[in-house]
Amino acid sequence: MKKTTLAIAVVSQLPCAFYSYADSSNTETMVVTANRFEQKIQETIEPVEVITKQDIDAIQATSLIEVLKRLPNAQIVNQGGIGQSSELYLQGRSSKNTLFLINGIRIGSATTGATDLSAIPLKGIERIEVLRGPRAAVYGSDAVSGVVNLITTASPNNRAGVSTSVGSHHYFDTNAYFSTADESSWLNMSITHQQNDGFDVKSDSTNTYDSDNDGVLSQYILADAGKNISDSFTLKFNGYYQRKDSDYDYGRSSNGADQTDSDLYNIGLVTEYKTDQNYQSHFTIATNQDSAETHGQGATPNTISTNRDTLSWDNQYKLSHALVVTGGVDWYRDRVDNGSVEYINDKRRNIAGYIGGYLSLGDFSAEGNIRRDKSSTYNYVTTRQIASAYRFSDDFRITASYGEAFKAPTFNQLYWPTQCFGSFGCYSGNPLLVPEDTKTGELAFEGTYQNADIRLAAYRSLVKNMIDSSSNENVDKVEIQGIEFVSEFDTGNFYHTIAYDFLDAKNSATGQQLRRRARHNVKWDTEYRIEQWQINLSYLFQGKRYDDASNSKVMGGYGLVDVATSYLFDNGLKVGAKVANLLDKDYQTALGYNTADREYYLNMSYDF
């Protein structure tokens, strides 16, 4: 296994060590998330990380959050352990400002505006592409701080395998998968069962009536298939179904709901058409549902669901070797249902058109996109994005980018009927809300010096019309600025990545820091491979944060160490072990919510 080549390291924004190994042997790594069509990672200007199935297996991750926390400029908030509510802060913005896709299809709840990260499986995922920075000019609402695209499609081949993991808190996970393919068609399928008794996420609170373990039980099925009808026409299908039963602590009264049963499915049909090497067209029809029922301890069961239907038509045309243009149309419709309340409006539609281009002239490259969205709730929004790069030597280049993005109000923020909760006050939607507006600029320097690949970037975001979640009014202005430094290097058989992020995210009116964002973050990953042994060691430091808007509730900084090792036998059997939170650090990422102590895991897999 060799170190990432300069062609990848300089131009692909230096993915961290744990991700780099997947790319190191292939300087033609392709990505699809940046502009919806396959392009060489060398051609992307803004940072795109590629995380493969092999990378996930190397760290023996048990959840998507465990993978994403290792990314540069990413912070994680956990309200408990596996299966509990979690949030990703990318470039200082919350999960609601990151667009999550499965095979390029938008997922998430239209009522809350968030994606349940604990409901996304890792088994069956072939790779994850993460783009950092605004991409609303390509994808529309939610693509404010980045895009996370989970891709299940594997390279067509014939293979099969099984795996089993056990661990602390009676953790158990088992998976079976198979793939079959011939010259013109393929089928991949993965089935997973996961359960964990968990621990009491709020044992030290006043929630003494519910001092029990908060566990999770999940089942997942992922499938994708395809058929090459002709040299020009391909038909693809992908589907995903998840069932999750999870416990949580409501914490207000003895009648508080303490269990959520959720269902999520995503089904897509894609047709791909190519007339020659210069023109491609994709047409996608998709439907998905995000449904959750809460119940327990005398509470009346309540089901909240989002149904989304999607149509998209994407096109790419190569005008020359130097210039590529893209364009298309998006349409989707959201329908929501809440068993306990009746929304003023339970449907909305969005239609958008976009156009973009990529130019490469010697050492100079540039890209630009513009998109116009028309929604039945907030009328028109236009977003623009432009980026350029210049390589001033074989080893160094600079990049500059500017992007506009927006976050649409959720159904709860727009249409929730007025309800009062005693001393907690009243809550109601506001149909006059307008989308949050964000403008972001970034300047980066990338290169190779002696034995190290480096990336140093500075960025600044200005947010207007921020929605106050308590009053549902556009009141706040936010300023976010930060510095990101990443370096990759090797020392013998050890391969390292170090990353440092400085984040200053504050309310412009009050000057206070935004809650649950640390100003200082340090990450270090090292991997050692020799013959059939593999060892991965990681360290994460997060500085102090505040859990409230007034910055009066302080959460101290902490450092975590994880270690994983595995051995691959010649017959395809692989055994591994992992210790998470090796130093048994006591810490919190959300005030009042416990996190896991030291945890142990054993796993075994066999590929036929």
Foldseek 3Di string as FASTA:
>chain_A
DDFADLLCLFQQVHWFPLQRVVPRVPQQDWDQPQQNHTDGSSQDRFHKTKHFLVSCVQQVDFFPCVVVCQGFQKDKAFLFEQPGAIWIQHLNRIQLLEFEEEQNHTDDDLFVSHRRRSQDGSPQFGMKMKTAAADCLRVNASSHGIYIYTYRDDDADWWWKKKWKAKPQGWIKIKIKTKHDDDFKIKIKMKMWIKGQGAAFQCPDPLVVPRGGKMKTKIKMKMKMKGRPDPFKIKIKIKMKMWMKIFHGPPDDLQDFTIKIKIKMKIKIKMWGDPDPFKIKIKMWMKMKIKMWTGDRNYDIKMKMKIKIKIKMKMKGDPDPFKIKIKIKIKMKIAMDIRPFDWPDGIKMKIKIKMKMWGDDPQKIKIKMKMWMQMPQAGIDIKIKMKMKGAPDPFKIKMKIKIKGWHADGSQQATADWDADPPVGIDGHHSPQHIKIKMKMKMKMWGDDDFKTKIKMKMKMWIFQDADPRHSGRDWIKIKIKMKMWMWGADVQKTKIKIKMAIAIATPVPRFGDFLAARIKIKMWMWGDDDFKIKIKMKIKGAKGAQDNVRPRIWGIDMWIKMKMKGADPQQKIKIKIKTRVVQDWGRSHPSTGYDGIMIMIMMMGMD
